[in-house]
Amino acid sequence: MNGEELKQYIKRSGMSVAAVAEELGTSPQNLNAKFNRKSIKIDFFQKIKEIIDKCAPPLPAEMEEAVFGSNVNGSNSPNVSQSLGSDAALAAENKLLREQNEFLQSQVKTLLAIVGQK
């Protein structure tokens, strides 16, 4: 994984580079300098992942409401407007999860390539 991919990971998490830098106890400039290096150490990536897992904002209220209020048994909702709102929120969440999945798949590919080189 390179620095640009790591920046995108942070962005998709909903956190800013400045917030991650603050959690790491460093400046955003110093963090950006680390992103510009040729390679990023696994332990550095793990620290950032831990920060994101701990500090990332929760789901937006509309998504949370849609998830908790969703009709999981598959029956039709009597409230069509509520159903449409839930569908839109779920579609947005689905898109975000697909992007995160693509990112994680690229990480696995990169890590496998690194391990294969050794």
PDB file of N, CA and C in Angstrom:
ATOM      1  N   MET A   1       0.853  -1.170   0.000  1.00  0.00           N
ATOM      2  CA  MET A   1       0.000   0.000   0.000  1.00  0.00           C
ATOM      3  C   MET A   1       0.897   1.231   0.000  1.00  0.00           C
ATOM      4  N   ASN A   2       0.517   2.210  -0.805  1.00  0.00           N
ATOM      5  CA  ASN A   2       1.299   3.440  -0.830  1.00  0.00           C
ATOM      6  C   ASN A   2       0.574   4.539  -0.050  1.00  0.00           C
ATOM      7  N   GLY A   3       1.229   5.678   0.062  1.00  0.00           N
ATOM      8  CA  GLY A   3       0.692   6.786   0.844  1.00  0.00           C
ATOM      9  C   GLY A   3      -0.616   7.332   0.315  1.00  0.00           C
ATOM     10  N   GLU A   4      -0.753   7.377  -1.002  1.00  0.00           N
ATOM     11  CA  GLU A   4      -1.995   7.902  -1.584  1.00  0.00           C
ATOM     12  C   GLU A   4      -3.172   6.994  -1.240  1.00  0.00           C
ATOM     13  N   GLU A   5      -2.940   5.694  -1.297  1.00  0.00           N
ATOM     14  CA  GLU A   5      -3.999   4.747  -0.927  1.00  0.00           C
ATOM     15  C   GLU A   5      -4.370   4.889   0.546  1.00  0.00           C
ATOM     16  N   LEU A   6      -3.370   5.124   1.377  1.00  0.00           N
ATOM     17  CA  LEU A   6      -3.625   5.298   2.805  1.00  0.00           C
ATOM     18  C   LEU A   6      -4.424   6.573   3.065  1.00  0.00           C
ATOM     19  N   LYS A   7      -4.116   7.638   2.331  1.00  0.00           N
ATOM     20  CA  LYS A   7      -4.899   8.881   2.447  1.00  0.00           C
ATOM     21  C   LYS A   7      -6.350   8.631   2.065  1.00  0.00           C
ATOM     22  N   GLN A   8      -6.567   7.877   0.984  1.00  0.00           N
ATOM     23  CA  GLN A   8      -7.929   7.566   0.547  1.00  0.00           C
ATOM     24  C   GLN A   8      -8.663   6.735   1.598  1.00  0.00           C
ATOM     25  N   TYR A   9      -7.951   5.825   2.223  1.00  0.00           N
ATOM     26  CA  TYR A   9      -8.527   5.003   3.293  1.00  0.00           C
ATOM     27  C   TYR A   9      -9.001   5.898   4.434  1.00  0.00           C
ATOM     28  N   ILE A  10      -8.167   6.859   4.812  1.00  0.00           N
ATOM     29  CA  ILE A  10      -8.530   7.794   5.879  1.00  0.00           C
ATOM     30  C   ILE A  10      -9.750   8.605   5.461  1.00  0.00           C
ATOM     31  N   LYS A  11      -9.732   9.101   4.237  1.00  0.00           N
ATOM     32  CA  LYS A  11     -10.845   9.920   3.744  1.00  0.00           C
ATOM     33  C   LYS A  11     -12.150   9.136   3.749  1.00  0.00           C
ATOM     34  N   ARG A  12     -12.102   7.890   3.261  1.00  0.00           N
ATOM     35  CA  ARG A  12     -13.320   7.072   3.218  1.00  0.00           C
ATOM     36  C   ARG A  12     -13.835   6.738   4.612  1.00  0.00           C
ATOM     37  N   SER A  13     -12.956   6.765   5.594  1.00  0.00           N
ATOM     38  CA  SER A  13     -13.391   6.459   6.958  1.00  0.00           C
ATOM     39  C   SER A  13     -14.205   7.595   7.559  1.00  0.00           C
ATOM     40  N   GLY A  14     -14.127   8.780   6.929  1.00  0.00           N
ATOM     41  CA  GLY A  14     -14.833   9.939   7.467  1.00  0.00           C
ATOM     42  C   GLY A  14     -13.956  10.812   8.346  1.00  0.00           C
ATOM     43  N   MET A  15     -12.712  10.419   8.544  1.00  0.00           N
ATOM     44  CA  MET A  15     -11.787  11.215   9.349  1.00  0.00           C
ATOM     45  C   MET A  15     -10.922  12.067   8.429  1.00  0.00           C
ATOM     46  N   SER A  16     -10.347  13.108   9.001  1.00  0.00           N
ATOM     47  CA  SER A  16      -9.420  13.946   8.246  1.00  0.00           C
ATOM     48  C   SER A  16      -7.986  13.534   8.570  1.00  0.00           C
ATOM     49  N   VAL A  17      -7.079  13.885   7.676  1.00  0.00           N
ATOM     50  CA  VAL A  17      -5.659  13.615   7.915  1.00  0.00           C
ATOM     51  C   VAL A  17      -5.207  14.352   9.171  1.00  0.00           C
ATOM     52  N   ALA A  18      -5.722  15.570   9.373  1.00  0.00           N
ATOM     53  CA  ALA A  18      -5.358  16.354  10.557  1.00  0.00           C
ATOM     54  C   ALA A  18      -5.790  15.642  11.836  1.00  0.00           C
ATOM     55  N   ALA A  19      -6.983  15.052  11.833  1.00  0.00           N
ATOM     56  CA  ALA A  19      -7.473  14.345  13.024  1.00  0.00           C
ATOM     57  C   ALA A  19      -6.623  13.107  13.308  1.00  0.00           C
ATOM     58  N   VAL A  20      -6.241  12.392  12.258  1.00  0.00           N
ATOM     59  CA  VAL A  20      -5.387  11.215  12.432  1.00  0.00           C
ATOM     60  C   VAL A  20      -4.015  11.644  12.946  1.00  0.00           C
ATOM     61  N   ALA A  21      -3.487  12.733  12.387  1.00  0.00           N
ATOM     62  CA  ALA A  21      -2.188  13.244  12.841  1.00  0.00           C
ATOM     63  C   ALA A  21      -2.244  13.596  14.323  1.00  0.00           C
ATOM     64  N   GLU A  22      -3.324  14.241  14.728  1.00  0.00           N
ATOM     65  CA  GLU A  22      -3.477  14.616  16.138  1.00  0.00           C
ATOM     66  C   GLU A  22      -3.488  13.370  17.025  1.00  0.00           C
ATOM     67  N   GLU A  23      -4.198  12.343  16.603  1.00  0.00           N
ATOM     68  CA  GLU A  23      -4.247  11.092  17.367  1.00  0.00           C
ATOM     69  C   GLU A  23      -2.870  10.424  17.436  1.00  0.00           C
ATOM     70  N   LEU A  24      -2.073  10.593  16.383  1.00  0.00           N
ATOM     71  CA  LEU A  24      -0.721  10.024  16.358  1.00  0.00           C
ATOM     72  C   LEU A  24       0.275  10.873  17.143  1.00  0.00           C
ATOM     73  N   GLY A  25      -0.158  12.089  17.519  1.00  0.00           N
ATOM     74  CA  GLY A  25       0.735  12.989  18.245  1.00  0.00           C
ATOM     75  C   GLY A  25       1.752  13.660  17.343  1.00  0.00           C
ATOM     76  N   THR A  26       1.361  13.913  16.108  1.00  0.00           N
ATOM     77  CA  THR A  26       2.259  14.554  15.152  1.00  0.00           C
ATOM     78  C   THR A  26       1.492  15.622  14.382  1.00  0.00           C
ATOM     79  N   SER A  27       2.195  16.327  13.519  1.00  0.00           N
ATOM     80  CA  SER A  27       1.544  17.376  12.727  1.00  0.00           C
ATOM     81  C   SER A  27       1.026  16.785  11.412  1.00  0.00           C
ATOM     82  N   PRO A  28       0.019  17.435  10.812  1.00  0.00           N
ATOM     83  CA  PRO A  28      -0.452  16.973   9.502  1.00  0.00           C
ATOM     84  C   PRO A  28       0.661  16.995   8.454  1.00  0.00           C
ATOM     85  N   GLN A  29       1.560  17.977   8.552  1.00  0.00           N
ATOM     86  CA  GLN A  29       2.669  18.068   7.601  1.00  0.00           C
ATOM     87  C   GLN A  29       3.586  16.846   7.721  1.00  0.00           C
ATOM     88  N   ASN A  30       3.883  16.455   8.964  1.00  0.00           N
ATOM     89  CA  ASN A  30       4.735  15.291   9.189  1.00  0.00           C
ATOM     90  C   ASN A  30       4.053  14.019   8.677  1.00  0.00           C
ATOM     91  N   LEU A  31       2.756  13.919   8.918  1.00  0.00           N
ATOM     92  CA  LEU A  31       2.013  12.754   8.443  1.00  0.00           C
ATOM     93  C   LEU A  31       2.009  12.701   6.915  1.00  0.00           C
ATOM     94  N   ASN A  32       1.797  13.851   6.272  1.00  0.00           N
ATOM     95  CA  ASN A  32       1.830  13.894   4.805  1.00  0.00           C
ATOM     96  C   ASN A  32       3.208  13.516   4.270  1.00  0.00           C
ATOM     97  N   ALA A  33       4.263  13.900   4.992  1.00  0.00           N
ATOM     98  CA  ALA A  33       5.618  13.518   4.579  1.00  0.00           C
ATOM     99  C   ALA A  33       5.769  11.994   4.610  1.00  0.00           C
ATOM    100  N   LYS A  34       5.177  11.358   5.626  1.00  0.00           N
ATOM    101  CA  LYS A  34       5.231   9.890   5.696  1.00  0.00           C
ATOM    102  C   LYS A  34       4.461   9.267   4.531  1.00  0.00           C
ATOM    103  N   PHE A  35       3.349   9.897   4.145  1.00  0.00           N
ATOM    104  CA  PHE A  35       2.569   9.388   3.017  1.00  0.00           C
ATOM    105  C   PHE A  35       3.362   9.466   1.715  1.00  0.00           C
ATOM    106  N   ASN A  36       4.278  10.426   1.611  1.00  0.00           N
ATOM    107  CA  ASN A  36       5.041  10.628   0.379  1.00  0.00           C
ATOM    108  C   ASN A  36       6.267   9.722   0.274  1.00  0.00           C
ATOM    109  N   ARG A  37       6.543   8.924   1.294  1.00  0.00           N
ATOM    110  CA  ARG A  37       7.670   7.994   1.232  1.00  0.00           C
ATOM    111  C   ARG A  37       7.384   6.878   0.235  1.00  0.00           C
ATOM    112  N   LYS A  38       8.468   6.241  -0.221  1.00  0.00           N
ATOM    113  CA  LYS A  38       8.318   5.163  -1.204  1.00  0.00           C
ATOM    114  C   LYS A  38       7.495   4.000  -0.665  1.00  0.00           C
ATOM    115  N   SER A  39       7.735   3.649   0.584  1.00  0.00           N
ATOM    116  CA  SER A  39       6.983   2.532   1.168  1.00  0.00           C
ATOM    117  C   SER A  39       6.519   2.910   2.571  1.00  0.00           C
ATOM    118  N   ILE A  40       5.470   2.245   2.987  1.00  0.00           N
ATOM    119  CA  ILE A  40       4.901   2.499   4.306  1.00  0.00           C
ATOM    120  C   ILE A  40       4.996   1.204   5.102  1.00  0.00           C
ATOM    121  N   LYS A  41       5.480   1.318   6.327  1.00  0.00           N
ATOM    122  CA  LYS A  41       5.636   0.140   7.172  1.00  0.00           C
ATOM    123  C   LYS A  41       4.271  -0.352   7.649  1.00  0.00           C
ATOM    124  N   ILE A  42       4.183  -1.650   7.812  1.00  0.00           N
ATOM    125  CA  ILE A  42       2.935  -2.283   8.238  1.00  0.00           C
ATOM    126  C   ILE A  42       2.502  -1.760   9.605  1.00  0.00           C
ATOM    127  N   ASP A  43       3.445  -1.577  10.536  1.00  0.00           N
ATOM    128  CA  ASP A  43       3.053  -1.113  11.874  1.00  0.00           C
ATOM    129  C   ASP A  43       2.467   0.297  11.824  1.00  0.00           C
ATOM    130  N   PHE A  44       2.935   1.126  10.897  1.00  0.00           N
ATOM    131  CA  PHE A  44       2.372   2.471  10.733  1.00  0.00           C
ATOM    132  C   PHE A  44       0.934   2.371  10.229  1.00  0.00           C
ATOM    133  N   PHE A  45       0.718   1.510   9.251  1.00  0.00           N
ATOM    134  CA  PHE A  45      -0.640   1.296   8.754  1.00  0.00           C
ATOM    135  C   PHE A  45      -1.544   0.781   9.875  1.00  0.00           C
ATOM    136  N   GLN A  46      -1.039  -0.150  10.692  1.00  0.00           N
ATOM    137  CA  GLN A  46      -1.840  -0.710  11.783  1.00  0.00           C
ATOM    138  C   GLN A  46      -2.231   0.369  12.791  1.00  0.00           C
ATOM    139  N   LYS A  47      -1.302   1.294  13.076  1.00  0.00           N
ATOM    140  CA  LYS A  47      -1.623   2.393  13.995  1.00  0.00           C
ATOM    141  C   LYS A  47      -2.765   3.240  13.441  1.00  0.00           C
ATOM    142  N   ILE A  48      -2.694   3.537  12.159  1.00  0.00           N
ATOM    143  CA  ILE A  48      -3.747   4.350  11.534  1.00  0.00           C
ATOM    144  C   ILE A  48      -5.071   3.592  11.548  1.00  0.00           C
ATOM    145  N   LYS A  49      -5.038   2.307  11.262  1.00  0.00           N
ATOM    146  CA  LYS A  49      -6.262   1.505  11.293  1.00  0.00           C
ATOM    147  C   LYS A  49      -6.871   1.506  12.692  1.00  0.00           C
ATOM    148  N   GLU A  50      -6.048   1.362  13.726  1.00  0.00           N
ATOM    149  CA  GLU A  50      -6.547   1.386  15.105  1.00  0.00           C
ATOM    150  C   GLU A  50      -7.205   2.724  15.424  1.00  0.00           C
ATOM    151  N   ILE A  51      -6.590   3.813  14.967  1.00  0.00           N
ATOM    152  CA  ILE A  51      -7.159   5.146  15.200  1.00  0.00           C
ATOM    153  C   ILE A  51      -8.509   5.267  14.508  1.00  0.00           C
ATOM    154  N   ILE A  52      -8.578   4.824  13.276  1.00  0.00           N
ATOM    155  CA  ILE A  52      -9.840   4.910  12.533  1.00  0.00           C
ATOM    156  C   ILE A  52     -10.905   4.046  13.196  1.00  0.00           C
ATOM    157  N   ASP A  53     -10.530   2.837  13.602  1.00  0.00           N
ATOM    158  CA  ASP A  53     -11.495   1.957  14.268  1.00  0.00           C
ATOM    159  C   ASP A  53     -12.018   2.587  15.555  1.00  0.00           C
ATOM    160  N   LYS A  54     -11.140   3.300  16.252  1.00  0.00           N
ATOM    161  CA  LYS A  54     -11.513   3.910  17.531  1.00  0.00           C
ATOM    162  C   LYS A  54     -12.258   5.225  17.345  1.00  0.00           C
ATOM    163  N   CYS A  55     -11.859   6.023  16.370  1.00  0.00           N
ATOM    164  CA  CYS A  55     -12.325   7.408  16.278  1.00  0.00           C
ATOM    165  C   CYS A  55     -13.258   7.720  15.121  1.00  0.00           C
ATOM    166  N   ALA A  56     -13.394   6.831  14.165  1.00  0.00           N
ATOM    167  CA  ALA A  56     -14.217   7.157  12.990  1.00  0.00           C
ATOM    168  C   ALA A  56     -15.636   7.483  13.425  1.00  0.00           C
ATOM    169  N   PRO A  57     -16.227   8.474  12.777  1.00  0.00           N
ATOM    170  CA  PRO A  57     -17.591   8.849  13.154  1.00  0.00           C
ATOM    171  C   PRO A  57     -18.563   7.709  12.881  1.00  0.00           C
ATOM    172  N   PRO A  58     -19.625   7.630  13.664  1.00  0.00           N
ATOM    173  CA  PRO A  58     -20.620   6.586  13.436  1.00  0.00           C
ATOM    174  C   PRO A  58     -21.375   6.838  12.135  1.00  0.00           C
ATOM    175  N   LEU A  59     -22.206   5.911  11.781  1.00  0.00           N
ATOM    176  CA  LEU A  59     -23.036   6.090  10.585  1.00  0.00           C
ATOM    177  C   LEU A  59     -23.843   7.370  10.692  1.00  0.00           C
ATOM    178  N   PRO A  60     -24.081   8.057   9.573  1.00  0.00           N
ATOM    179  CA  PRO A  60     -24.975   9.209   9.622  1.00  0.00           C
ATOM    180  C   PRO A  60     -26.326   8.776  10.186  1.00  0.00           C
ATOM    181  N   ALA A  61     -26.999   9.701  10.855  1.00  0.00           N
ATOM    182  CA  ALA A  61     -28.260   9.384  11.530  1.00  0.00           C
ATOM    183  C   ALA A  61     -29.266   8.735  10.590  1.00  0.00           C
ATOM    184  N   GLU A  62     -29.342   9.231   9.343  1.00  0.00           N
ATOM    185  CA  GLU A  62     -30.328   8.664   8.415  1.00  0.00           C
ATOM    186  C   GLU A  62     -30.015   7.214   8.090  1.00  0.00           C
ATOM    187  N   MET A  63     -28.709   6.883   7.978  1.00  0.00           N
ATOM    188  CA  MET A  63     -28.348   5.494   7.703  1.00  0.00           C
ATOM    189  C   MET A  63     -28.620   4.625   8.923  1.00  0.00           C
ATOM    190  N   GLU A  64     -28.251   5.143  10.097  1.00  0.00           N
ATOM    191  CA  GLU A  64     -28.471   4.385  11.318  1.00  0.00           C
ATOM    192  C   GLU A  64     -29.958   4.108  11.501  1.00  0.00           C
ATOM    193  N   GLU A  65     -30.772   5.135  11.286  1.00  0.00           N
ATOM    194  CA  GLU A  65     -32.222   4.982  11.407  1.00  0.00           C
ATOM    195  C   GLU A  65     -32.734   3.958  10.403  1.00  0.00           C
ATOM    196  N   ALA A  66     -32.196   4.019   9.190  1.00  0.00           N
ATOM    197  CA  ALA A  66     -32.633   3.079   8.156  1.00  0.00           C
ATOM    198  C   ALA A  66     -32.260   1.652   8.526  1.00  0.00           C
ATOM    199  N   VAL A  67     -31.076   1.484   9.098  1.00  0.00           N
ATOM    200  CA  VAL A  67     -30.637   0.143   9.468  1.00  0.00           C
ATOM    201  C   VAL A  67     -31.455  -0.380  10.637  1.00  0.00           C
ATOM    202  N   PHE A  68     -31.619   0.438  11.684  1.00  0.00           N
ATOM    203  CA  PHE A  68     -32.358  -0.020  12.852  1.00  0.00           C
ATOM    204  C   PHE A  68     -33.847  -0.136  12.573  1.00  0.00           C
ATOM    205  N   GLY A  69     -34.364   0.702  11.679  1.00  0.00           N
ATOM    206  CA  GLY A  69     -35.784   0.669  11.383  1.00  0.00           C
ATOM    207  C   GLY A  69     -36.122  -0.144  10.154  1.00  0.00           C
ATOM    208  N   SER A  70     -35.127  -0.813   9.587  1.00  0.00           N
ATOM    209  CA  SER A  70     -35.379  -1.531   8.336  1.00  0.00           C
ATOM    210  C   SER A  70     -36.223  -2.769   8.588  1.00  0.00           C
ATOM    211  N   ASN A  71     -36.866  -3.170   7.545  1.00  0.00           N
ATOM    212  CA  ASN A  71     -37.766  -4.305   7.605  1.00  0.00           C
ATOM    213  C   ASN A  71     -36.984  -5.533   7.155  1.00  0.00           C
ATOM    214  N   VAL A  72     -36.311  -6.192   8.088  1.00  0.00           N
ATOM    215  CA  VAL A  72     -35.390  -7.259   7.726  1.00  0.00           C
ATOM    216  C   VAL A  72     -36.076  -8.563   7.348  1.00  0.00           C
ATOM    217  N   ASN A  73     -37.369  -8.702   7.666  1.00  0.00           N
ATOM    218  CA  ASN A  73     -38.023  -9.975   7.352  1.00  0.00           C
ATOM    219  C   ASN A  73     -38.546 -10.034   5.924  1.00  0.00           C
ATOM    220  N   GLY A  74     -38.393  -8.944   5.153  1.00  0.00           N
ATOM    221  CA  GLY A  74     -38.753  -8.959   3.747  1.00  0.00           C
ATOM    222  C   GLY A  74     -40.183  -8.582   3.454  1.00  0.00           C
ATOM    223  N   SER A  75     -40.992  -8.318   4.462  1.00  0.00           N
ATOM    224  CA  SER A  75     -42.375  -7.926   4.185  1.00  0.00           C
ATOM    225  C   SER A  75     -42.412  -6.480   3.729  1.00  0.00           C
ATOM    226  N   ASN A  76     -43.463  -6.104   3.055  1.00  0.00           N
ATOM    227  CA  ASN A  76     -43.589  -4.746   2.541  1.00  0.00           C
ATOM    228  C   ASN A  76     -43.875  -3.763   3.664  1.00  0.00           C
ATOM    229  N   SER A  77     -43.252  -2.615   3.566  1.00  0.00           N
ATOM    230  CA  SER A  77     -43.489  -1.567   4.553  1.00  0.00           C
ATOM    231  C   SER A  77     -44.790  -0.856   4.220  1.00  0.00           C
ATOM    232  N   PRO A  78     -45.645  -0.589   5.226  1.00  0.00           N
ATOM    233  CA  PRO A  78     -46.869   0.141   4.944  1.00  0.00           C
ATOM    234  C   PRO A  78     -46.600   1.609   4.643  1.00  0.00           C
ATOM    235  N   ASN A  79     -45.438   2.099   5.014  1.00  0.00           N
ATOM    236  CA  ASN A  79     -45.114   3.508   4.812  1.00  0.00           C
ATOM    237  C   ASN A  79     -44.146   3.620   3.637  1.00  0.00           C
ATOM    238  N   VAL A  80     -44.667   3.957   2.454  1.00  0.00           N
ATOM    239  CA  VAL A  80     -43.856   3.978   1.240  1.00  0.00           C
ATOM    240  C   VAL A  80     -42.747   5.008   1.323  1.00  0.00           C
ATOM    241  N   SER A  81     -43.019   6.209   1.840  1.00  0.00           N
ATOM    242  CA  SER A  81     -41.971   7.234   1.901  1.00  0.00           C
ATOM    243  C   SER A  81     -40.858   6.814   2.849  1.00  0.00           C
ATOM    244  N   GLN A  82     -41.207   6.148   3.932  1.00  0.00           N
ATOM    245  CA  GLN A  82     -40.179   5.653   4.853  1.00  0.00           C
ATOM    246  C   GLN A  82     -39.337   4.590   4.157  1.00  0.00           C
ATOM    247  N   SER A  83     -39.984   3.745   3.384  1.00  0.00           N
ATOM    248  CA  SER A  83     -39.285   2.694   2.664  1.00  0.00           C
ATOM    249  C   SER A  83     -38.324   3.282   1.634  1.00  0.00           C
ATOM    250  N   LEU A  84     -38.767   4.319   0.903  1.00  0.00           N
ATOM    251  CA  LEU A  84     -37.900   4.956  -0.092  1.00  0.00           C
ATOM    252  C   LEU A  84     -36.699   5.607   0.574  1.00  0.00           C
ATOM    253  N   GLY A  85     -36.924   6.281   1.702  1.00  0.00           N
ATOM    254  CA  GLY A  85     -35.818   6.901   2.432  1.00  0.00           C
ATOM    255  C   GLY A  85     -34.839   5.862   2.930  1.00  0.00           C
ATOM    256  N   SER A  86     -35.376   4.760   3.423  1.00  0.00           N
ATOM    257  CA  SER A  86     -34.520   3.676   3.896  1.00  0.00           C
ATOM    258  C   SER A  86     -33.718   3.088   2.747  1.00  0.00           C
ATOM    259  N   ASP A  87     -34.373   2.925   1.592  1.00  0.00           N
ATOM    260  CA  ASP A  87     -33.678   2.383   0.420  1.00  0.00           C
ATOM    261  C   ASP A  87     -32.522   3.285   0.004  1.00  0.00           C
ATOM    262  N   ALA A  88     -32.739   4.594   0.012  1.00  0.00           N
ATOM    263  CA  ALA A  88     -31.683   5.535  -0.376  1.00  0.00           C
ATOM    264  C   ALA A  88     -30.521   5.474   0.607  1.00  0.00           C
ATOM    265  N   ALA A  89     -30.842   5.421   1.895  1.00  0.00           N
ATOM    266  CA  ALA A  89     -29.791   5.359   2.910  1.00  0.00           C
ATOM    267  C   ALA A  89     -29.019   4.049   2.797  1.00  0.00           C
ATOM    268  N   LEU A  90     -29.732   2.963   2.580  1.00  0.00           N
ATOM    269  CA  LEU A  90     -29.063   1.669   2.437  1.00  0.00           C
ATOM    270  C   LEU A  90     -28.212   1.616   1.173  1.00  0.00           C
ATOM    271  N   ALA A  91     -28.683   2.238   0.103  1.00  0.00           N
ATOM    272  CA  ALA A  91     -27.896   2.283  -1.133  1.00  0.00           C
ATOM    273  C   ALA A  91     -26.601   3.060  -0.904  1.00  0.00           C
ATOM    274  N   ALA A  92     -26.689   4.171  -0.160  1.00  0.00           N
ATOM    275  CA  ALA A  92     -25.489   4.960   0.140  1.00  0.00           C
ATOM    276  C   ALA A  92     -24.527   4.149   1.002  1.00  0.00           C
ATOM    277  N   GLU A  93     -25.056   3.449   1.988  1.00  0.00           N
ATOM    278  CA  GLU A  93     -24.208   2.624   2.843  1.00  0.00           C
ATOM    279  C   GLU A  93     -23.583   1.485   2.030  1.00  0.00           C
ATOM    280  N   ASN A  94     -24.369   0.883   1.152  1.00  0.00           N
ATOM    281  CA  ASN A  94     -23.877  -0.181   0.292  1.00  0.00           C
ATOM    282  C   ASN A  94     -22.710   0.308  -0.558  1.00  0.00           C
ATOM    283  N   LYS A  95     -22.846   1.498  -1.131  1.00  0.00           N
ATOM    284  CA  LYS A  95     -21.783   2.069  -1.962  1.00  0.00           C
ATOM    285  C   LYS A  95     -20.509   2.256  -1.143  1.00  0.00           C
ATOM    286  N   LEU A  96     -20.655   2.807   0.070  1.00  0.00           N
ATOM    287  CA  LEU A  96     -19.501   3.021   0.939  1.00  0.00           C
ATOM    288  C   LEU A  96     -18.828   1.696   1.278  1.00  0.00           C
ATOM    289  N   LEU A  97     -19.613   0.702   1.619  1.00  0.00           N
ATOM    290  CA  LEU A  97     -19.051  -0.602   1.960  1.00  0.00           C
ATOM    291  C   LEU A  97     -18.355  -1.247   0.764  1.00  0.00           C
ATOM    292  N   ARG A  98     -18.905  -1.073  -0.427  1.00  0.00           N
ATOM    293  CA  ARG A  98     -18.256  -1.608  -1.632  1.00  0.00           C
ATOM    294  C   ARG A  98     -16.904  -0.931  -1.866  1.00  0.00           C
ATOM    295  N   GLU A  99     -16.842   0.389  -1.672  1.00  0.00           N
ATOM    296  CA  GLU A  99     -15.576   1.114  -1.833  1.00  0.00           C
ATOM    297  C   GLU A  99     -14.558   0.635  -0.809  1.00  0.00           C
ATOM    298  N   GLN A 100     -14.990   0.466   0.438  1.00  0.00           N
ATOM    299  CA  GLN A 100     -14.076  -0.012   1.467  1.00  0.00           C
ATOM    300  C   GLN A 100     -13.605  -1.426   1.156  1.00  0.00           C
ATOM    301  N   ASN A 101     -14.497  -2.257   0.635  1.00  0.00           N
ATOM    302  CA  ASN A 101     -14.135  -3.617   0.265  1.00  0.00           C
ATOM    303  C   ASN A 101     -13.086  -3.622  -0.845  1.00  0.00           C
ATOM    304  N   GLU A 102     -13.276  -2.783  -1.862  1.00  0.00           N
ATOM    305  CA  GLU A 102     -12.285  -2.682  -2.942  1.00  0.00           C
ATOM    306  C   GLU A 102     -10.928  -2.274  -2.388  1.00  0.00           C
ATOM    307  N   PHE A 103     -10.947  -1.316  -1.474  1.00  0.00           N
ATOM    308  CA  PHE A 103      -9.705  -0.844  -0.876  1.00  0.00           C
ATOM    309  C   PHE A 103      -9.024  -1.975  -0.107  1.00  0.00           C
ATOM    310  N   LEU A 104      -9.786  -2.699   0.697  1.00  0.00           N
ATOM    311  CA  LEU A 104      -9.211  -3.791   1.473  1.00  0.00           C
ATOM    312  C   LEU A 104      -8.681  -4.896   0.564  1.00  0.00           C
ATOM    313  N   GLN A 105      -9.371  -5.162  -0.531  1.00  0.00           N
ATOM    314  CA  GLN A 105      -8.884  -6.161  -1.481  1.00  0.00           C
ATOM    315  C   GLN A 105      -7.557  -5.727  -2.095  1.00  0.00           C
ATOM    316  N   SER A 106      -7.420  -4.431  -2.382  1.00  0.00           N
ATOM    317  CA  SER A 106      -6.150  -3.947  -2.935  1.00  0.00           C
ATOM    318  C   SER A 106      -5.044  -4.054  -1.892  1.00  0.00           C
ATOM    319  N   GLN A 107      -5.390  -3.851  -0.619  1.00  0.00           N
ATOM    320  CA  GLN A 107      -4.401  -4.005   0.452  1.00  0.00           C
ATOM    321  C   GLN A 107      -3.911  -5.445   0.521  1.00  0.00           C
ATOM    322  N   VAL A 108      -4.840  -6.377   0.481  1.00  0.00           N
ATOM    323  CA  VAL A 108      -4.481  -7.793   0.543  1.00  0.00           C
ATOM    324  C   VAL A 108      -3.571  -8.148  -0.624  1.00  0.00           C
ATOM    325  N   LYS A 109      -3.911  -7.662  -1.815  1.00  0.00           N
ATOM    326  CA  LYS A 109      -3.102  -7.929  -3.001  1.00  0.00           C
ATOM    327  C   LYS A 109      -1.683  -7.384  -2.809  1.00  0.00           C
ATOM    328  N   THR A 110      -1.586  -6.159  -2.276  1.00  0.00           N
ATOM    329  CA  THR A 110      -0.286  -5.541  -2.038  1.00  0.00           C
ATOM    330  C   THR A 110       0.509  -6.326  -1.002  1.00  0.00           C
ATOM    331  N   LEU A 111      -0.152  -6.700   0.089  1.00  0.00           N
ATOM    332  CA  LEU A 111       0.534  -7.455   1.139  1.00  0.00           C
ATOM    333  C   LEU A 111       0.991  -8.820   0.628  1.00  0.00           C
ATOM    334  N   LEU A 112       0.169  -9.469  -0.170  1.00  0.00           N
ATOM    335  CA  LEU A 112       0.573 -10.756  -0.738  1.00  0.00           C
ATOM    336  C   LEU A 112       1.770 -10.592  -1.667  1.00  0.00           C
ATOM    337  N   ALA A 113       1.803  -9.496  -2.413  1.00  0.00           N
ATOM    338  CA  ALA A 113       2.944  -9.233  -3.294  1.00  0.00           C
ATOM    339  C   ALA A 113       4.208  -9.008  -2.473  1.00  0.00           C
ATOM    340  N   ILE A 114       4.069  -8.287  -1.360  1.00  0.00           N
ATOM    341  CA  ILE A 114       5.225  -8.026  -0.490  1.00  0.00           C
ATOM    342  C   ILE A 114       5.727  -9.330   0.114  1.00  0.00           C
ATOM    343  N   VAL A 115       4.822 -10.134   0.632  1.00  0.00           N
ATOM    344  CA  VAL A 115       5.201 -11.405   1.248  1.00  0.00           C
ATOM    345  C   VAL A 115       5.822 -12.332   0.207  1.00  0.00           C
ATOM    346  N   GLY A 116       5.307 -12.307  -1.004  1.00  0.00           N
ATOM    347  CA  GLY A 116       5.835 -13.152  -2.066  1.00  0.00           C
ATOM    348  C   GLY A 116       7.245 -12.775  -2.485  1.00  0.00           C
ATOM    349  N   GLN A 117       7.644 -11.508  -2.248  1.00  0.00           N
ATOM    350  CA  GLN A 117       8.978 -11.045  -2.623  1.00  0.00           C
ATOM    351  C   GLN A 117      10.039 -11.526  -1.653  1.00  0.00           C
ATOM    352  N   LYS A 118       9.635 -11.866  -0.443  1.00  0.00           N
ATOM    353  CA  LYS A 118      10.625 -12.228   0.587  1.00  0.00           C
ATOM    354  C   LYS A 118      10.998 -13.673   0.539  1.00  0.00           C
TER     355      LYS A 118
END
